Amino acid sequence: MKIRLITAVLACLAGMVPTGASFADRTPAQQSLYQQATKDCNGPHYPCGARPYINYSGGWWGCVEPRSCR
């Protein structure tokens, strides 16, 4: 039973790891883009919250909603 709990916790934590460039690998410009995207995706336009999808090479981002709450 404890193994199942530990596996479930590790699976949840693995889902929280950001994709793309890790925090240590980001340039100041990429970090700024990440902060803007995170702020936008957690703003009032997305009441259920959204995950940023960031294209660092293109310099743009989009917000991916898990489901629509509107």
PDB file of N, CA and C in Angstrom:
ATOM      1  N   MET A   1       0.822  -1.191   0.000  1.00  0.00           N
ATOM      2  CA  MET A   1       0.000   0.000   0.000  1.00  0.00           C
ATOM      3  C   MET A   1       0.870   1.262   0.000  1.00  0.00           C
ATOM      4  N   LYS A   2       1.954   1.237   0.758  1.00  0.00           N
ATOM      5  CA  LYS A   2       2.837   2.403   0.804  1.00  0.00           C
ATOM      6  C   LYS A   2       3.529   2.621  -0.535  1.00  0.00           C
ATOM      7  N   ILE A   3       3.808   1.535  -1.236  1.00  0.00           N
ATOM      8  CA  ILE A   3       4.454   1.665  -2.545  1.00  0.00           C
ATOM      9  C   ILE A   3       3.531   2.386  -3.512  1.00  0.00           C
ATOM     10  N   ARG A   4       2.231   2.079  -3.456  1.00  0.00           N
ATOM     11  CA  ARG A   4       1.268   2.767  -4.325  1.00  0.00           C
ATOM     12  C   ARG A   4       1.212   4.256  -4.009  1.00  0.00           C
ATOM     13  N   LEU A   5       1.221   4.590  -2.735  1.00  0.00           N
ATOM     14  CA  LEU A   5       1.185   6.004  -2.327  1.00  0.00           C
ATOM     15  C   LEU A   5       2.441   6.724  -2.805  1.00  0.00           C
ATOM     16  N   ILE A   6       3.589   6.107  -2.620  1.00  0.00           N
ATOM     17  CA  ILE A   6       4.846   6.722  -3.046  1.00  0.00           C
ATOM     18  C   ILE A   6       4.860   6.881  -4.563  1.00  0.00           C
ATOM     19  N   THR A   7       4.383   5.875  -5.289  1.00  0.00           N
ATOM     20  CA  THR A   7       4.326   5.950  -6.751  1.00  0.00           C
ATOM     21  C   THR A   7       3.401   7.068  -7.197  1.00  0.00           C
ATOM     22  N   ALA A   8       2.259   7.209  -6.542  1.00  0.00           N
ATOM     23  CA  ALA A   8       1.303   8.267  -6.895  1.00  0.00           C
ATOM     24  C   ALA A   8       1.899   9.647  -6.633  1.00  0.00           C
ATOM     25  N   VAL A   9       2.577   9.812  -5.511  1.00  0.00           N
ATOM     26  CA  VAL A   9       3.198  11.102  -5.186  1.00  0.00           C
ATOM     27  C   VAL A   9       4.292  11.434  -6.201  1.00  0.00           C
ATOM     28  N   LEU A  10       5.109  10.462  -6.544  1.00  0.00           N
ATOM     29  CA  LEU A  10       6.170  10.699  -7.522  1.00  0.00           C
ATOM     30  C   LEU A  10       5.600  11.020  -8.898  1.00  0.00           C
ATOM     31  N   ALA A  11       4.506  10.378  -9.266  1.00  0.00           N
ATOM     32  CA  ALA A  11       3.867  10.674 -10.553  1.00  0.00           C
ATOM     33  C   ALA A  11       3.333  12.104 -10.573  1.00  0.00           C
ATOM     34  N   CYS A  12       2.756  12.547  -9.473  1.00  0.00           N
ATOM     35  CA  CYS A  12       2.272  13.932  -9.390  1.00  0.00           C
ATOM     36  C   CYS A  12       3.425  14.925  -9.468  1.00  0.00           C
ATOM     37  N   LEU A  13       4.492  14.637  -8.783  1.00  0.00           N
ATOM     38  CA  LEU A  13       5.643  15.532  -8.809  1.00  0.00           C
ATOM     39  C   LEU A  13       6.290  15.564 -10.186  1.00  0.00           C
ATOM     40  N   ALA A  14       6.292  14.462 -10.885  1.00  0.00           N
ATOM     41  CA  ALA A  14       6.874  14.427 -12.232  1.00  0.00           C
ATOM     42  C   ALA A  14       6.067  15.306 -13.174  1.00  0.00           C
ATOM     43  N   GLY A  15       4.772  15.412 -12.966  1.00  0.00           N
ATOM     44  CA  GLY A  15       3.931  16.268 -13.792  1.00  0.00           C
ATOM     45  C   GLY A  15       4.149  17.743 -13.542  1.00  0.00           C
ATOM     46  N   MET A  16       4.745  18.090 -12.419  1.00  0.00           N
ATOM     47  CA  MET A  16       4.957  19.488 -12.072  1.00  0.00           C
ATOM     48  C   MET A  16       6.283  20.028 -12.619  1.00  0.00           C
ATOM     49  N   VAL A  17       7.126  19.166 -13.140  1.00  0.00           N
ATOM     50  CA  VAL A  17       8.421  19.600 -13.670  1.00  0.00           C
ATOM     51  C   VAL A  17       8.183  20.373 -14.962  1.00  0.00           C
ATOM     52  N   PRO A  18       8.710  21.604 -15.078  1.00  0.00           N
ATOM     53  CA  PRO A  18       8.480  22.378 -16.303  1.00  0.00           C
ATOM     54  C   PRO A  18       9.172  21.742 -17.498  1.00  0.00           C
ATOM     55  N   THR A  19       8.505  21.835 -18.641  1.00  0.00           N
ATOM     56  CA  THR A  19       9.100  21.299 -19.854  1.00  0.00           C
ATOM     57  C   THR A  19       9.882  22.400 -20.549  1.00  0.00           C
ATOM     58  N   GLY A  20      10.666  22.023 -21.516  1.00  0.00           N
ATOM     59  CA  GLY A  20      11.477  23.009 -22.229  1.00  0.00           C
ATOM     60  C   GLY A  20      12.754  23.271 -21.456  1.00  0.00           C
ATOM     61  N   ALA A  21      13.247  24.485 -21.565  1.00  0.00           N
ATOM     62  CA  ALA A  21      14.492  24.840 -20.881  1.00  0.00           C
ATOM     63  C   ALA A  21      14.265  24.866 -19.376  1.00  0.00           C
ATOM     64  N   SER A  22      15.147  24.255 -18.636  1.00  0.00           N
ATOM     65  CA  SER A  22      15.015  24.286 -17.189  1.00  0.00           C
ATOM     66  C   SER A  22      15.413  25.664 -16.671  1.00  0.00           C
ATOM     67  N   PHE A  23      15.097  25.919 -15.418  1.00  0.00           N
ATOM     68  CA  PHE A  23      15.347  27.239 -14.836  1.00  0.00           C
ATOM     69  C   PHE A  23      16.821  27.611 -14.930  1.00  0.00           C
ATOM     70  N   ALA A  24      17.717  26.660 -14.696  1.00  0.00           N
ATOM     71  CA  ALA A  24      19.146  26.960 -14.708  1.00  0.00           C
ATOM     72  C   ALA A  24      19.668  27.214 -16.124  1.00  0.00           C
ATOM     73  N   ASP A  25      18.981  26.654 -17.128  1.00  0.00           N
ATOM     74  CA  ASP A  25      19.449  26.788 -18.510  1.00  0.00           C
ATOM     75  C   ASP A  25      18.873  28.005 -19.228  1.00  0.00           C
ATOM     76  N   ARG A  26      17.929  28.714 -18.621  1.00  0.00           N
ATOM     77  CA  ARG A  26      17.290  29.847 -19.294  1.00  0.00           C
ATOM     78  C   ARG A  26      18.192  31.074 -19.295  1.00  0.00           C
ATOM     79  N   THR A  27      18.174  31.757 -20.431  1.00  0.00           N
ATOM     80  CA  THR A  27      18.856  33.045 -20.519  1.00  0.00           C
ATOM     81  C   THR A  27      17.957  34.088 -19.865  1.00  0.00           C
ATOM     82  N   PRO A  28      18.460  35.286 -19.589  1.00  0.00           N
ATOM     83  CA  PRO A  28      17.597  36.323 -19.015  1.00  0.00           C
ATOM     84  C   PRO A  28      16.385  36.635 -19.905  1.00  0.00           C
ATOM     85  N   ALA A  29      16.556  36.613 -21.224  1.00  0.00           N
ATOM     86  CA  ALA A  29      15.430  36.869 -22.125  1.00  0.00           C
ATOM     87  C   ALA A  29      14.399  35.749 -22.035  1.00  0.00           C
ATOM     88  N   GLN A  30      14.865  34.507 -21.947  1.00  0.00           N
ATOM     89  CA  GLN A  30      13.937  33.381 -21.824  1.00  0.00           C
ATOM     90  C   GLN A  30      13.223  33.413 -20.477  1.00  0.00           C
ATOM     91  N   GLN A  31      13.926  33.792 -19.424  1.00  0.00           N
ATOM     92  CA  GLN A  31      13.311  33.882 -18.101  1.00  0.00           C
ATOM     93  C   GLN A  31      12.236  34.958 -18.089  1.00  0.00           C
ATOM     94  N   SER A  32      12.498  36.081 -18.740  1.00  0.00           N
ATOM     95  CA  SER A  32      11.507  37.146 -18.833  1.00  0.00           C
ATOM     96  C   SER A  32      10.268  36.669 -19.590  1.00  0.00           C
ATOM     97  N   LEU A  33      10.478  35.953 -20.696  1.00  0.00           N
ATOM     98  CA  LEU A  33       9.363  35.401 -21.471  1.00  0.00           C
ATOM     99  C   LEU A  33       8.559  34.409 -20.631  1.00  0.00           C
ATOM    100  N   TYR A  34       9.252  33.567 -19.873  1.00  0.00           N
ATOM    101  CA  TYR A  34       8.593  32.596 -18.999  1.00  0.00           C
ATOM    102  C   TYR A  34       7.737  33.302 -17.947  1.00  0.00           C
ATOM    103  N   GLN A  35       8.268  34.348 -17.334  1.00  0.00           N
ATOM    104  CA  GLN A  35       7.523  35.082 -16.309  1.00  0.00           C
ATOM    105  C   GLN A  35       6.296  35.761 -16.895  1.00  0.00           C
ATOM    106  N   GLN A  36       6.416  36.348 -18.079  1.00  0.00           N
ATOM    107  CA  GLN A  36       5.276  36.985 -18.730  1.00  0.00           C
ATOM    108  C   GLN A  36       4.202  35.958 -19.065  1.00  0.00           C
ATOM    109  N   ALA A  37       4.621  34.805 -19.594  1.00  0.00           N
ATOM    110  CA  ALA A  37       3.667  33.762 -19.965  1.00  0.00           C
ATOM    111  C   ALA A  37       2.952  33.211 -18.738  1.00  0.00           C
ATOM    112  N   THR A  38       3.691  32.973 -17.666  1.00  0.00           N
ATOM    113  CA  THR A  38       3.093  32.452 -16.443  1.00  0.00           C
ATOM    114  C   THR A  38       2.101  33.454 -15.853  1.00  0.00           C
ATOM    115  N   LYS A  39       2.462  34.727 -15.861  1.00  0.00           N
ATOM    116  CA  LYS A  39       1.569  35.766 -15.347  1.00  0.00           C
ATOM    117  C   LYS A  39       0.293  35.844 -16.189  1.00  0.00           C
ATOM    118  N   ASP A  40       0.435  35.784 -17.508  1.00  0.00           N
ATOM    119  CA  ASP A  40      -0.714  35.855 -18.398  1.00  0.00           C
ATOM    120  C   ASP A  40      -1.619  34.636 -18.233  1.00  0.00           C
ATOM    121  N   CYS A  41      -1.038  33.450 -18.152  1.00  0.00           N
ATOM    122  CA  CYS A  41      -1.833  32.223 -18.071  1.00  0.00           C
ATOM    123  C   CYS A  41      -2.501  32.039 -16.715  1.00  0.00           C
ATOM    124  N   ASN A  42      -2.023  32.709 -15.691  1.00  0.00           N
ATOM    125  CA  ASN A  42      -2.644  32.632 -14.370  1.00  0.00           C
ATOM    126  C   ASN A  42      -3.496  33.857 -14.077  1.00  0.00           C
ATOM    127  N   GLY A  43      -3.766  34.662 -15.094  1.00  0.00           N
ATOM    128  CA  GLY A  43      -4.543  35.889 -14.931  1.00  0.00           C
ATOM    129  C   GLY A  43      -6.040  35.654 -15.011  1.00  0.00           C
ATOM    130  N   PRO A  44      -6.809  36.740 -15.020  1.00  0.00           N
ATOM    131  CA  PRO A  44      -8.268  36.637 -15.008  1.00  0.00           C
ATOM    132  C   PRO A  44      -8.872  36.095 -16.307  1.00  0.00           C
ATOM    133  N   HIS A  45      -8.108  36.047 -17.377  1.00  0.00           N
ATOM    134  CA  HIS A  45      -8.633  35.516 -18.632  1.00  0.00           C
ATOM    135  C   HIS A  45      -8.819  34.000 -18.582  1.00  0.00           C
ATOM    136  N   TYR A  46      -8.165  33.358 -17.643  1.00  0.00           N
ATOM    137  CA  TYR A  46      -8.229  31.899 -17.506  1.00  0.00           C
ATOM    138  C   TYR A  46      -8.648  31.559 -16.079  1.00  0.00           C
ATOM    139  N   PRO A  47      -9.967  31.559 -15.777  1.00  0.00           N
ATOM    140  CA  PRO A  47     -10.431  31.356 -14.401  1.00  0.00           C
ATOM    141  C   PRO A  47     -10.088  29.979 -13.833  1.00  0.00           C
ATOM    142  N   CYS A  48      -9.947  28.969 -14.671  1.00  0.00           N
ATOM    143  CA  CYS A  48      -9.604  27.622 -14.180  1.00  0.00           C
ATOM    144  C   CYS A  48      -8.103  27.399 -14.153  1.00  0.00           C
ATOM    145  N   GLY A  49      -7.363  28.407 -14.553  1.00  0.00           N
ATOM    146  CA  GLY A  49      -5.918  28.263 -14.639  1.00  0.00           C
ATOM    147  C   GLY A  49      -5.531  27.673 -15.974  1.00  0.00           C
ATOM    148  N   ALA A  50      -4.346  27.934 -16.397  1.00  0.00           N
ATOM    149  CA  ALA A  50      -3.849  27.412 -17.666  1.00  0.00           C
ATOM    150  C   ALA A  50      -2.350  27.196 -17.561  1.00  0.00           C
ATOM    151  N   ARG A  51      -1.849  26.330 -18.423  1.00  0.00           N
ATOM    152  CA  ARG A  51      -0.428  26.024 -18.456  1.00  0.00           C
ATOM    153  C   ARG A  51       0.181  26.741 -19.649  1.00  0.00           C
ATOM    154  N   PRO A  52       1.264  27.470 -19.438  1.00  0.00           N
ATOM    155  CA  PRO A  52       1.872  28.159 -20.585  1.00  0.00           C
ATOM    156  C   PRO A  52       2.591  27.187 -21.518  1.00  0.00           C
ATOM    157  N   TYR A  53       2.405  27.392 -22.799  1.00  0.00           N
ATOM    158  CA  TYR A  53       3.155  26.677 -23.834  1.00  0.00           C
ATOM    159  C   TYR A  53       4.054  27.729 -24.463  1.00  0.00           C
ATOM    160  N   ILE A  54       5.369  27.617 -24.258  1.00  0.00           N
ATOM    161  CA  ILE A  54       6.308  28.671 -24.635  1.00  0.00           C
ATOM    162  C   ILE A  54       7.200  28.202 -25.776  1.00  0.00           C
ATOM    163  N   ASN A  55       7.287  29.020 -26.816  1.00  0.00           N
ATOM    164  CA  ASN A  55       8.224  28.796 -27.916  1.00  0.00           C
ATOM    165  C   ASN A  55       9.336  29.826 -27.730  1.00  0.00           C
ATOM    166  N   TYR A  56      10.422  29.389 -27.101  1.00  0.00           N
ATOM    167  CA  TYR A  56      11.512  30.315 -26.795  1.00  0.00           C
ATOM    168  C   TYR A  56      12.202  30.828 -28.054  1.00  0.00           C
ATOM    169  N   SER A  57      12.361  29.978 -29.050  1.00  0.00           N
ATOM    170  CA  SER A  57      13.055  30.419 -30.263  1.00  0.00           C
ATOM    171  C   SER A  57      12.212  31.404 -31.065  1.00  0.00           C
ATOM    172  N   GLY A  58      10.887  31.273 -30.995  1.00  0.00           N
ATOM    173  CA  GLY A  58      10.002  32.191 -31.709  1.00  0.00           C
ATOM    174  C   GLY A  58       9.628  33.419 -30.893  1.00  0.00           C
ATOM    175  N   GLY A  59       9.825  33.338 -29.578  1.00  0.00           N
ATOM    176  CA  GLY A  59       9.520  34.478 -28.715  1.00  0.00           C
ATOM    177  C   GLY A  59       8.034  34.662 -28.441  1.00  0.00           C
ATOM    178  N   TRP A  60       7.249  33.585 -28.446  1.00  0.00           N
ATOM    179  CA  TRP A  60       5.813  33.694 -28.187  1.00  0.00           C
ATOM    180  C   TRP A  60       5.376  32.572 -27.249  1.00  0.00           C
ATOM    181  N   TRP A  61       4.172  32.742 -26.707  1.00  0.00           N
ATOM    182  CA  TRP A  61       3.605  31.721 -25.842  1.00  0.00           C
ATOM    183  C   TRP A  61       2.103  31.645 -26.068  1.00  0.00           C
ATOM    184  N   GLY A  62       1.551  30.551 -25.619  1.00  0.00           N
ATOM    185  CA  GLY A  62       0.113  30.348 -25.635  1.00  0.00           C
ATOM    186  C   GLY A  62      -0.282  29.692 -24.328  1.00  0.00           C
ATOM    187  N   CYS A  63      -1.520  29.847 -23.941  1.00  0.00           N
ATOM    188  CA  CYS A  63      -2.001  29.268 -22.694  1.00  0.00           C
ATOM    189  C   CYS A  63      -2.905  28.082 -23.008  1.00  0.00           C
ATOM    190  N   VAL A  64      -2.630  26.946 -22.379  1.00  0.00           N
ATOM    191  CA  VAL A  64      -3.386  25.723 -22.606  1.00  0.00           C
ATOM    192  C   VAL A  64      -4.248  25.471 -21.377  1.00  0.00           C
ATOM    193  N   GLU A  65      -5.577  25.521 -21.575  1.00  0.00           N
ATOM    194  CA  GLU A  65      -6.507  25.274 -20.470  1.00  0.00           C
ATOM    195  C   GLU A  65      -6.747  23.779 -20.332  1.00  0.00           C
ATOM    196  N   PRO A  66      -6.820  23.291 -19.079  1.00  0.00           N
ATOM    197  CA  PRO A  66      -7.106  21.872 -18.895  1.00  0.00           C
ATOM    198  C   PRO A  66      -8.546  21.539 -19.319  1.00  0.00           C
ATOM    199  N   ARG A  67      -9.445  22.481 -19.098  1.00  0.00           N
ATOM    200  CA  ARG A  67     -10.848  22.351 -19.503  1.00  0.00           C
ATOM    201  C   ARG A  67     -11.443  23.754 -19.503  1.00  0.00           C
ATOM    202  N   SER A  68     -12.547  23.914 -20.139  1.00  0.00           N
ATOM    203  CA  SER A  68     -13.169  25.235 -20.196  1.00  0.00           C
ATOM    204  C   SER A  68     -14.106  25.425 -19.015  1.00  0.00           C
ATOM    205  N   CYS A  69     -14.016  26.579 -18.377  1.00  0.00           N
ATOM    206  CA  CYS A  69     -14.893  26.896 -17.238  1.00  0.00           C
ATOM    207  C   CYS A  69     -15.847  28.037 -17.583  1.00  0.00           C
ATOM    208  N   ARG A  70     -15.841  28.438 -18.818  1.00  0.00           N
ATOM    209  CA  ARG A  70     -16.644  29.600 -19.204  1.00  0.00           C
ATOM    210  C   ARG A  70     -18.041  29.218 -19.591  1.00  0.00           C
TER     211      ARG A  70
END
